[in-house]
N, C-alpha and C. Protein backbone atom coordinates (compact mmCIF):
# COMPACT_ATOMS: atom_id res chain seq x y z
N MET A 1 36.80 7.37 21.67
CA MET A 1 36.53 8.48 20.66
C MET A 1 37.84 8.49 19.79
N LEU A 2 37.55 8.63 18.59
CA LEU A 2 38.81 8.71 17.61
C LEU A 2 38.85 10.24 17.32
N GLU A 3 40.04 10.67 17.29
CA GLU A 3 40.55 12.37 16.89
C GLU A 3 40.59 12.21 15.52
N LEU A 4 40.71 13.50 15.06
CA LEU A 4 40.89 13.75 13.57
C LEU A 4 42.41 13.19 13.35
N GLN A 5 43.44 13.57 14.15
CA GLN A 5 44.79 13.32 13.83
C GLN A 5 45.14 11.81 13.82
N SER A 6 44.42 11.05 14.77
CA SER A 6 44.39 9.58 14.77
C SER A 6 43.74 8.93 13.68
N PHE A 7 42.58 9.51 13.12
CA PHE A 7 42.22 9.00 12.11
C PHE A 7 42.81 9.02 10.86
N GLU A 8 43.42 10.50 10.58
CA GLU A 8 44.31 10.53 9.60
C GLU A 8 45.75 9.55 9.46
N LEU A 9 46.03 9.48 10.70
CA LEU A 9 47.22 8.37 10.86
C LEU A 9 46.66 6.81 10.39
N LEU A 10 45.79 6.38 10.82
CA LEU A 10 44.99 5.29 10.59
C LEU A 10 44.81 5.17 9.10
N PHE A 11 44.47 6.18 8.63
CA PHE A 11 44.16 6.14 7.06
C PHE A 11 45.35 5.99 6.02
N ARG A 12 46.46 6.96 6.53
CA ARG A 12 47.61 6.89 5.86
C ARG A 12 48.43 5.65 6.02
N GLU A 13 48.46 5.16 7.23
CA GLU A 13 49.21 3.97 7.51
C GLU A 13 48.51 2.60 6.68
N ASN A 14 47.35 2.58 6.59
CA ASN A 14 46.37 1.42 6.14
C ASN A 14 45.93 1.54 4.63
N HIS A 15 45.68 2.71 4.06
CA HIS A 15 45.05 2.95 2.97
C HIS A 15 45.42 1.92 1.89
N ALA A 16 46.90 2.01 1.50
CA ALA A 16 47.47 1.15 0.55
C ALA A 16 47.13 -0.20 0.56
N GLN A 17 47.39 -0.75 1.71
CA GLN A 17 47.24 -1.98 2.07
C GLN A 17 45.60 -2.37 1.86
N CYS A 18 44.90 -1.63 2.30
CA CYS A 18 43.29 -1.80 2.36
C CYS A 18 42.99 -1.79 0.73
N ILE A 19 43.35 -0.88 -0.08
CA ILE A 19 43.08 -0.99 -1.42
C ILE A 19 43.55 -2.28 -2.11
N ALA A 20 45.05 -2.47 -1.81
CA ALA A 20 45.38 -3.87 -2.42
C ALA A 20 44.48 -4.84 -1.95
N PHE A 21 44.22 -5.12 -0.60
CA PHE A 21 43.09 -6.27 -0.40
C PHE A 21 41.89 -6.30 -0.86
N ALA A 22 41.51 -5.08 -0.88
CA ALA A 22 39.96 -4.97 -1.69
C ALA A 22 40.09 -5.22 -3.19
N THR A 23 41.23 -4.83 -3.85
CA THR A 23 41.49 -4.86 -5.19
C THR A 23 41.42 -6.76 -5.40
N HIS A 24 42.35 -7.28 -4.55
CA HIS A 24 42.56 -8.52 -4.62
C HIS A 24 41.12 -9.43 -4.34
N TYR A 25 40.46 -8.87 -3.43
CA TYR A 25 39.28 -9.56 -3.15
C TYR A 25 38.15 -9.23 -4.25
N MET A 26 38.02 -8.19 -4.61
CA MET A 26 36.82 -7.85 -5.69
C MET A 26 37.40 -7.95 -7.08
N GLY A 27 38.57 -7.83 -7.37
CA GLY A 27 39.02 -7.86 -8.80
C GLY A 27 38.75 -6.65 -9.44
N ASP A 28 38.37 -5.71 -8.85
CA ASP A 28 38.05 -4.25 -9.65
C ASP A 28 38.58 -2.95 -8.81
N PRO A 29 39.68 -2.54 -9.45
CA PRO A 29 40.25 -1.56 -8.59
C PRO A 29 39.39 -0.19 -8.26
N HIS A 30 38.44 0.19 -9.27
CA HIS A 30 37.49 1.14 -8.96
C HIS A 30 36.48 0.78 -7.68
N GLY A 31 36.17 -0.32 -7.95
CA GLY A 31 35.04 -0.98 -6.97
C GLY A 31 35.81 -0.98 -5.59
N ALA A 32 37.18 -1.47 -5.54
CA ALA A 32 37.86 -1.57 -4.30
C ALA A 32 38.20 -0.24 -3.71
N GLU A 33 38.33 0.85 -4.53
CA GLU A 33 38.50 2.05 -3.98
C GLU A 33 37.31 2.60 -3.30
N GLU A 34 36.13 2.28 -3.89
CA GLU A 34 34.91 2.67 -3.41
C GLU A 34 34.43 1.91 -2.08
N VAL A 35 34.93 0.78 -2.06
CA VAL A 35 34.65 -0.16 -0.71
C VAL A 35 35.49 0.38 0.48
N VAL A 36 36.68 0.79 0.10
CA VAL A 36 37.78 1.17 1.19
C VAL A 36 37.21 2.54 1.47
N GLN A 37 36.74 3.41 0.73
CA GLN A 37 36.25 4.93 1.18
C GLN A 37 34.96 4.66 1.92
N GLN A 38 34.08 3.57 1.70
CA GLN A 38 32.98 3.35 2.56
C GLN A 38 33.27 3.07 3.85
N VAL A 39 34.31 2.05 4.05
CA VAL A 39 34.73 1.67 5.38
C VAL A 39 35.44 2.74 6.10
N PHE A 40 36.25 3.50 5.48
CA PHE A 40 36.84 4.63 6.30
C PHE A 40 35.91 5.58 6.72
N LEU A 41 34.70 5.90 5.79
CA LEU A 41 33.78 6.83 6.00
C LEU A 41 32.93 6.37 7.26
N ARG A 42 32.67 5.11 7.15
CA ARG A 42 31.79 4.55 8.31
C ARG A 42 32.61 4.62 9.71
N ILE A 43 33.81 4.33 9.48
CA ILE A 43 34.89 4.43 10.80
C ILE A 43 34.64 5.96 11.31
N TRP A 44 34.65 6.97 10.35
CA TRP A 44 34.71 8.24 10.75
C TRP A 44 33.45 8.80 11.46
N GLU A 45 32.36 8.19 10.72
CA GLU A 45 30.99 8.67 11.18
C GLU A 45 30.72 7.92 12.60
N LYS A 46 31.20 6.82 12.85
CA LYS A 46 31.11 6.11 14.14
C LYS A 46 32.10 6.39 15.09
N ARG A 47 33.15 7.38 14.85
CA ARG A 47 34.10 7.59 15.72
C ARG A 47 34.04 7.70 17.15
N ASP A 48 32.77 8.19 17.57
CA ASP A 48 32.32 8.37 19.08
C ASP A 48 32.12 7.17 19.63
N SER A 49 31.49 6.12 18.80
CA SER A 49 31.18 4.95 19.54
C SER A 49 32.10 3.56 19.19
N ILE A 50 32.91 3.85 18.14
CA ILE A 50 33.57 2.56 17.74
C ILE A 50 34.60 2.30 18.63
N THR A 51 34.59 0.86 18.79
CA THR A 51 35.85 0.33 19.69
C THR A 51 36.53 -0.79 18.84
N ILE A 52 37.79 -0.48 18.72
CA ILE A 52 38.59 -1.52 17.89
C ILE A 52 39.24 -2.52 18.82
N THR A 53 38.72 -3.81 18.77
CA THR A 53 39.73 -4.47 19.73
C THR A 53 40.30 -5.67 18.89
N GLY A 54 41.77 -5.71 19.08
CA GLY A 54 42.45 -6.65 18.34
C GLY A 54 43.28 -5.74 17.30
N PRO A 55 43.91 -6.49 16.36
CA PRO A 55 44.66 -5.72 15.33
C PRO A 55 43.87 -4.85 14.47
N VAL A 56 44.24 -3.56 14.09
CA VAL A 56 43.52 -2.66 13.21
C VAL A 56 43.41 -3.28 11.83
N LYS A 57 44.41 -3.91 11.37
CA LYS A 57 44.35 -4.29 10.18
C LYS A 57 43.35 -5.41 9.94
N ALA A 58 43.18 -6.39 10.72
CA ALA A 58 42.37 -7.41 10.90
C ALA A 58 40.91 -6.76 11.08
N TYR A 59 40.73 -5.87 11.67
CA TYR A 59 39.45 -5.07 11.80
C TYR A 59 39.10 -4.49 10.46
N LEU A 60 40.04 -3.74 9.74
CA LEU A 60 39.91 -2.87 8.64
C LEU A 60 39.48 -4.04 7.31
N PHE A 61 40.29 -5.33 7.24
CA PHE A 61 40.03 -6.22 6.28
C PHE A 61 38.88 -6.91 6.46
N SER A 62 38.29 -7.20 7.77
CA SER A 62 36.97 -7.64 7.90
C SER A 62 35.92 -6.68 7.41
N ALA A 63 36.15 -5.31 7.77
CA ALA A 63 35.19 -4.46 7.27
C ALA A 63 35.07 -4.24 5.88
N ILE A 64 36.29 -4.36 5.16
CA ILE A 64 36.30 -4.26 3.78
C ILE A 64 35.58 -5.72 3.11
N ARG A 65 35.97 -6.72 3.61
CA ARG A 65 35.27 -7.90 3.09
C ARG A 65 33.67 -7.83 3.23
N ASN A 66 33.27 -7.43 4.45
CA ASN A 66 31.91 -7.48 4.82
C ASN A 66 31.35 -6.48 3.95
N THR A 67 31.73 -5.17 3.41
CA THR A 67 31.32 -4.18 2.65
C THR A 67 31.12 -4.70 1.42
N ALA A 68 32.44 -5.26 0.90
CA ALA A 68 32.27 -5.81 -0.45
C ALA A 68 31.23 -7.07 -0.68
N ILE A 69 30.88 -7.87 0.24
CA ILE A 69 30.07 -8.77 0.08
C ILE A 69 28.62 -8.19 0.10
N SER A 70 28.35 -7.27 1.04
CA SER A 70 27.16 -6.48 1.00
C SER A 70 26.76 -5.64 -0.37
N GLN A 71 27.85 -5.02 -0.95
CA GLN A 71 27.79 -4.39 -2.30
C GLN A 71 27.40 -5.37 -3.18
N TRP A 72 28.27 -6.52 -3.30
CA TRP A 72 27.94 -7.81 -4.32
C TRP A 72 26.48 -8.02 -4.19
N ARG A 73 26.19 -8.28 -3.21
CA ARG A 73 24.65 -8.82 -2.94
C ARG A 73 23.73 -7.82 -3.59
N LYS A 74 24.01 -6.58 -3.23
CA LYS A 74 22.97 -5.66 -3.53
C LYS A 74 23.07 -5.34 -5.07
N GLU A 75 24.21 -5.55 -5.72
CA GLU A 75 24.45 -5.45 -7.32
C GLU A 75 23.73 -6.69 -7.68
N ASN A 76 23.88 -7.90 -7.28
CA ASN A 76 23.25 -9.12 -7.63
C ASN A 76 21.65 -8.88 -7.76
N VAL A 77 21.29 -8.48 -6.72
CA VAL A 77 19.63 -8.17 -6.44
C VAL A 77 19.21 -7.49 -7.60
N ARG A 78 19.87 -6.26 -7.78
CA ARG A 78 19.67 -5.24 -8.74
C ARG A 78 19.68 -5.86 -10.19
N SER A 79 20.68 -6.59 -10.47
CA SER A 79 20.82 -7.36 -11.73
C SER A 79 19.93 -8.13 -11.87
N ASP A 80 19.46 -9.01 -10.72
CA ASP A 80 18.27 -10.14 -11.11
C ASP A 80 16.92 -9.44 -11.35
N ARG A 81 16.74 -8.26 -10.57
CA ARG A 81 15.75 -7.75 -10.75
C ARG A 81 15.51 -7.06 -12.12
N GLU A 82 16.62 -6.48 -12.59
CA GLU A 82 16.65 -5.93 -14.17
C GLU A 82 16.33 -7.18 -15.00
N THR A 83 17.16 -8.26 -14.72
CA THR A 83 17.10 -9.33 -15.81
C THR A 83 15.39 -9.74 -15.68
N TYR A 84 14.96 -9.97 -14.50
CA TYR A 84 13.43 -10.33 -14.25
C TYR A 84 12.46 -9.34 -15.10
N TYR A 85 12.60 -8.07 -14.88
CA TYR A 85 11.84 -7.14 -15.58
C TYR A 85 12.09 -7.08 -17.17
N SER A 86 13.08 -7.16 -17.52
CA SER A 86 13.52 -7.18 -18.57
C SER A 86 12.90 -8.64 -19.49
N ASN A 87 12.90 -9.64 -18.85
CA ASN A 87 12.24 -10.86 -19.35
C ASN A 87 10.64 -10.69 -19.19
N ILE A 88 10.23 -9.99 -18.48
CA ILE A 88 8.69 -9.64 -18.62
C ILE A 88 8.39 -8.74 -19.62
N ARG A 89 9.24 -7.80 -19.83
CA ARG A 89 8.82 -6.82 -21.30
C ARG A 89 9.21 -7.70 -22.34
N ASP A 90 10.26 -8.54 -22.44
CA ASP A 90 10.28 -9.22 -23.74
C ASP A 90 9.06 -10.21 -23.82
N THR A 91 8.74 -10.83 -22.89
CA THR A 91 7.46 -11.68 -22.84
C THR A 91 6.09 -10.81 -23.46
N ALA A 92 6.16 -9.84 -22.74
CA ALA A 92 4.95 -9.02 -23.02
C ALA A 92 4.95 -8.64 -24.55
N THR A 93 6.04 -8.23 -24.88
CA THR A 93 6.17 -7.60 -26.29
C THR A 93 5.98 -8.83 -27.23
N GLU A 94 6.68 -10.04 -26.87
CA GLU A 94 6.43 -11.09 -27.66
C GLU A 94 4.77 -11.50 -27.88
N ALA A 95 4.22 -11.36 -26.77
CA ALA A 95 2.81 -11.82 -26.49
C ALA A 95 2.00 -10.80 -27.37
N THR A 96 2.38 -9.63 -27.29
CA THR A 96 1.48 -8.41 -27.98
C THR A 96 1.80 -8.67 -29.49
N ASP A 97 3.11 -9.04 -29.96
CA ASP A 97 3.19 -9.28 -31.36
C ASP A 97 2.45 -10.78 -31.70
N GLN A 98 2.33 -11.62 -31.00
CA GLN A 98 1.51 -12.71 -31.25
C GLN A 98 0.09 -12.46 -31.53
N ALA A 99 -0.40 -11.49 -30.50
CA ALA A 99 -1.75 -11.23 -30.55
C ALA A 99 -2.27 -10.41 -31.75
N ARG A 100 -1.24 -9.55 -32.22
CA ARG A 100 -1.47 -8.76 -33.46
C ARG A 100 -1.49 -9.71 -34.61
N GLU A 101 -0.57 -10.59 -34.64
CA GLU A 101 -0.70 -11.44 -35.90
C GLU A 101 -1.77 -12.48 -35.77
N LEU A 102 -2.23 -12.93 -34.63
CA LEU A 102 -3.40 -13.75 -34.49
C LEU A 102 -4.51 -12.98 -34.98
N GLU A 103 -4.70 -11.71 -34.51
CA GLU A 103 -5.66 -10.86 -34.92
C GLU A 103 -5.71 -10.67 -36.33
N ARG A 104 -4.58 -10.36 -37.02
CA ARG A 104 -4.65 -10.13 -38.44
C ARG A 104 -5.18 -11.46 -39.29
N LEU A 105 -4.64 -12.56 -38.84
CA LEU A 105 -4.98 -14.02 -39.38
C LEU A 105 -6.67 -14.08 -39.14
N TYR A 106 -7.08 -13.71 -38.03
CA TYR A 106 -8.52 -13.93 -37.75
C TYR A 106 -9.39 -13.08 -38.73
N GLN A 107 -8.93 -11.71 -38.78
CA GLN A 107 -9.59 -10.72 -39.70
C GLN A 107 -9.51 -11.32 -41.30
N GLN A 108 -8.35 -11.68 -41.70
CA GLN A 108 -8.29 -12.40 -42.80
C GLN A 108 -9.29 -13.54 -43.15
N ALA A 109 -9.26 -14.56 -42.26
CA ALA A 109 -10.28 -15.57 -42.47
C ALA A 109 -11.80 -15.27 -42.31
N LEU A 110 -11.92 -14.23 -41.57
CA LEU A 110 -13.35 -13.62 -41.37
C LEU A 110 -13.70 -13.13 -42.89
N GLU A 111 -12.85 -12.28 -43.29
CA GLU A 111 -13.02 -11.81 -44.75
C GLU A 111 -13.31 -12.82 -45.82
N ARG A 112 -12.71 -14.00 -45.64
CA ARG A 112 -12.87 -14.93 -46.64
C ARG A 112 -14.13 -15.65 -46.52
N LEU A 113 -15.06 -15.46 -45.32
CA LEU A 113 -16.37 -16.32 -45.08
C LEU A 113 -17.22 -15.71 -46.39
N PRO A 114 -18.17 -16.51 -46.75
CA PRO A 114 -19.30 -15.99 -47.48
C PRO A 114 -19.98 -14.80 -46.74
N GLU A 115 -20.51 -13.68 -47.54
CA GLU A 115 -21.14 -12.67 -46.90
C GLU A 115 -22.10 -12.75 -45.78
N ARG A 116 -23.17 -13.73 -46.07
CA ARG A 116 -24.22 -13.79 -45.09
C ARG A 116 -23.64 -14.45 -43.85
N CYS A 117 -22.69 -15.58 -44.02
CA CYS A 117 -22.31 -16.26 -42.96
C CYS A 117 -21.47 -15.09 -41.97
N ARG A 118 -20.50 -14.49 -42.50
CA ARG A 118 -19.89 -13.39 -42.03
C ARG A 118 -20.90 -12.37 -41.16
N GLU A 119 -21.75 -12.13 -41.78
CA GLU A 119 -22.88 -11.08 -41.12
C GLU A 119 -23.37 -11.63 -39.74
N VAL A 120 -23.68 -13.05 -39.94
CA VAL A 120 -24.18 -13.74 -38.83
C VAL A 120 -23.25 -13.81 -37.81
N PHE A 121 -22.00 -14.32 -38.07
CA PHE A 121 -21.02 -14.50 -37.31
C PHE A 121 -20.64 -13.28 -36.64
N VAL A 122 -20.51 -12.15 -37.18
CA VAL A 122 -20.22 -10.77 -36.55
C VAL A 122 -21.21 -10.34 -35.76
N LEU A 123 -22.51 -10.42 -36.07
CA LEU A 123 -23.57 -10.02 -35.21
C LEU A 123 -23.70 -11.05 -34.04
N SER A 124 -23.31 -12.33 -34.19
CA SER A 124 -23.38 -13.21 -32.93
C SER A 124 -22.42 -12.93 -32.13
N ARG A 125 -21.12 -13.02 -32.49
CA ARG A 125 -19.79 -13.13 -31.80
C ARG A 125 -19.38 -11.68 -31.35
N GLN A 126 -19.34 -10.81 -32.20
CA GLN A 126 -18.83 -9.41 -31.96
C GLN A 126 -19.83 -8.43 -31.47
N GLN A 127 -20.97 -8.70 -32.02
CA GLN A 127 -22.26 -7.72 -31.39
C GLN A 127 -22.84 -8.52 -30.31
N GLN A 128 -22.73 -9.80 -30.01
CA GLN A 128 -23.31 -10.28 -28.91
C GLN A 128 -24.75 -10.51 -28.99
N MET A 129 -25.33 -10.62 -30.34
CA MET A 129 -26.65 -10.60 -30.45
C MET A 129 -27.23 -12.31 -30.39
N LYS A 130 -28.35 -12.34 -30.10
CA LYS A 130 -29.04 -13.91 -29.83
C LYS A 130 -29.42 -14.23 -31.19
N TYR A 131 -29.60 -15.55 -31.45
CA TYR A 131 -29.90 -15.90 -32.62
C TYR A 131 -31.35 -15.22 -33.20
N ALA A 132 -32.43 -15.31 -32.32
CA ALA A 132 -33.69 -14.62 -32.68
C ALA A 132 -33.29 -13.11 -33.14
N GLU A 133 -32.52 -12.46 -32.37
CA GLU A 133 -32.26 -10.92 -32.92
C GLU A 133 -31.67 -11.02 -34.16
N ILE A 134 -30.73 -11.80 -34.33
CA ILE A 134 -29.93 -11.83 -35.57
C ILE A 134 -30.97 -12.10 -36.90
N ALA A 135 -31.82 -13.16 -36.55
CA ALA A 135 -32.92 -13.45 -37.54
C ALA A 135 -33.74 -12.50 -37.85
N ALA A 136 -34.25 -11.60 -36.78
CA ALA A 136 -35.21 -10.19 -37.07
C ALA A 136 -34.42 -9.28 -37.83
N THR A 137 -33.10 -9.14 -37.34
CA THR A 137 -32.43 -7.95 -38.10
C THR A 137 -32.10 -8.25 -39.65
N LEU A 138 -31.92 -9.65 -39.91
CA LEU A 138 -31.49 -9.98 -41.16
C LEU A 138 -32.99 -10.47 -42.07
N ASP A 139 -33.94 -10.51 -41.51
CA ASP A 139 -35.31 -10.97 -41.93
C ASP A 139 -35.02 -12.66 -42.61
N ILE A 140 -34.22 -13.30 -41.59
CA ILE A 140 -34.26 -14.72 -41.91
C ILE A 140 -34.67 -15.55 -40.70
N SER A 141 -34.73 -16.87 -40.97
CA SER A 141 -35.20 -17.54 -39.90
C SER A 141 -34.33 -18.06 -38.78
N VAL A 142 -34.51 -18.43 -37.63
CA VAL A 142 -33.59 -18.70 -36.81
C VAL A 142 -32.70 -19.91 -37.25
N LYS A 143 -33.32 -20.79 -37.84
CA LYS A 143 -32.78 -22.13 -38.43
C LYS A 143 -31.68 -21.56 -39.31
N THR A 144 -31.85 -20.66 -40.14
CA THR A 144 -30.85 -20.37 -41.26
C THR A 144 -29.86 -19.69 -40.55
N VAL A 145 -30.11 -18.82 -39.54
CA VAL A 145 -29.14 -18.31 -38.54
C VAL A 145 -28.08 -19.36 -38.12
N GLU A 146 -28.72 -20.53 -37.42
CA GLU A 146 -28.01 -21.59 -36.94
C GLU A 146 -27.13 -22.33 -38.07
N ASN A 147 -27.63 -22.44 -39.26
CA ASN A 147 -26.80 -22.73 -40.41
C ASN A 147 -25.78 -22.13 -40.69
N HIS A 148 -25.99 -20.72 -40.82
CA HIS A 148 -24.88 -19.86 -40.96
C HIS A 148 -23.66 -19.86 -40.17
N MET A 149 -24.13 -19.93 -38.78
CA MET A 149 -23.16 -19.93 -37.62
C MET A 149 -22.48 -21.28 -37.72
N GLY A 150 -23.02 -22.40 -37.97
CA GLY A 150 -22.30 -23.55 -37.89
C GLY A 150 -21.16 -23.60 -39.19
N LYS A 151 -21.72 -23.11 -40.26
CA LYS A 151 -20.75 -23.07 -41.56
C LYS A 151 -19.71 -22.34 -41.21
N ALA A 152 -19.86 -20.79 -40.75
CA ALA A 152 -18.84 -20.09 -40.48
C ALA A 152 -18.00 -20.51 -39.33
N LEU A 153 -18.23 -21.15 -38.35
CA LEU A 153 -17.49 -21.81 -37.16
C LEU A 153 -16.55 -23.00 -37.96
N ARG A 154 -17.21 -23.71 -38.86
CA ARG A 154 -16.45 -24.70 -39.48
C ARG A 154 -15.22 -24.23 -40.19
N ILE A 155 -15.70 -23.14 -41.04
CA ILE A 155 -14.68 -22.62 -41.96
C ILE A 155 -13.51 -21.94 -41.23
N LEU A 156 -14.03 -21.29 -40.14
CA LEU A 156 -12.97 -20.56 -39.22
C LEU A 156 -12.11 -21.48 -38.77
N HIS A 157 -12.64 -22.54 -38.12
CA HIS A 157 -12.02 -23.65 -37.28
C HIS A 157 -10.90 -24.30 -38.26
N GLU A 158 -11.36 -24.65 -39.54
CA GLU A 158 -10.42 -25.26 -40.25
C GLU A 158 -9.14 -24.24 -40.74
N GLU A 159 -9.57 -23.05 -41.12
CA GLU A 159 -8.37 -22.01 -41.40
C GLU A 159 -7.56 -21.61 -40.40
N LEU A 160 -8.10 -21.67 -39.07
CA LEU A 160 -7.37 -21.09 -37.84
C LEU A 160 -6.76 -22.35 -36.87
N LYS A 161 -7.13 -23.64 -37.11
CA LYS A 161 -7.05 -24.48 -36.04
C LYS A 161 -5.75 -24.54 -35.33
N GLU A 162 -4.73 -24.26 -35.98
CA GLU A 162 -3.49 -24.36 -35.42
C GLU A 162 -3.27 -23.05 -34.43
N TYR A 163 -3.98 -21.99 -34.48
CA TYR A 163 -4.00 -20.88 -33.85
C TYR A 163 -5.11 -20.94 -32.63
N LEU A 164 -5.98 -22.02 -32.85
CA LEU A 164 -7.28 -21.71 -32.34
C LEU A 164 -7.17 -21.47 -30.54
N PRO A 165 -6.36 -22.03 -29.82
CA PRO A 165 -6.26 -21.84 -28.38
C PRO A 165 -5.83 -20.50 -28.01
N LEU A 166 -4.93 -19.85 -28.80
CA LEU A 166 -4.66 -18.44 -28.53
C LEU A 166 -5.59 -17.55 -29.10
N LEU A 167 -6.27 -17.86 -30.33
CA LEU A 167 -7.29 -16.97 -30.84
C LEU A 167 -8.63 -17.02 -29.94
N LEU A 168 -8.88 -18.09 -29.18
CA LEU A 168 -10.05 -17.90 -28.34
C LEU A 168 -9.74 -17.12 -26.98
N ILE A 169 -8.44 -17.11 -26.60
CA ILE A 169 -8.01 -16.14 -25.65
C ILE A 169 -8.45 -14.55 -26.16
N ILE A 170 -7.80 -14.36 -27.20
CA ILE A 170 -8.00 -12.99 -27.73
C ILE A 170 -9.47 -12.73 -27.84
N LEU A 171 -10.31 -13.54 -28.43
CA LEU A 171 -11.68 -13.23 -28.86
C LEU A 171 -12.40 -13.05 -27.59
N PHE A 172 -12.26 -13.90 -26.53
CA PHE A 172 -12.86 -13.71 -25.25
C PHE A 172 -12.32 -12.77 -24.29
N SER A 173 -11.42 -12.13 -24.53
CA SER A 173 -10.91 -11.26 -23.50
C SER A 173 -11.18 -9.88 -24.06
N LYS A 174 -11.84 -9.73 -25.32
CA LYS A 174 -12.18 -8.31 -25.95
C LYS A 174 -13.67 -8.26 -25.41
N LYS A 175 -13.58 -7.04 -24.54
CA LYS A 175 -15.07 -6.88 -23.88
C LYS A 175 -15.43 -5.41 -23.83
């Protein structure tokens, strides 16, 4: 069991060397002070059960090294996690921006379709009506609906061919 006076003596005799060792080991005086404080606090908290065999300085330096390594690992994990989530946010933002741009290009191409082609396309792809339902709604034949859809798809394909894979993802994810 470590008495208060013994602990104070241990602290006073070794604190400066511990700080110097920790600073040399970590390269950061503020972090070194924190590590040394953690080591001495842990010694005090475990004073009833702690047994130091061998040189006290060797024990302190080993504890400082282990605490510094542990702190370094925690900081790296935190830094890696922050980097990971930052990358996810950036990717999601970029994907959202791309989706908005593709949606804008799609709407522009849709507006350039001939009126009847656009009507048929919207009823088929956005309203999900069957060709027979479109024919009945617009009072035209199913064959005319097929022709308008074919024409609309050809025009849209030509205007958006470089964006087609991403555009299909956007169109079919909207439900």
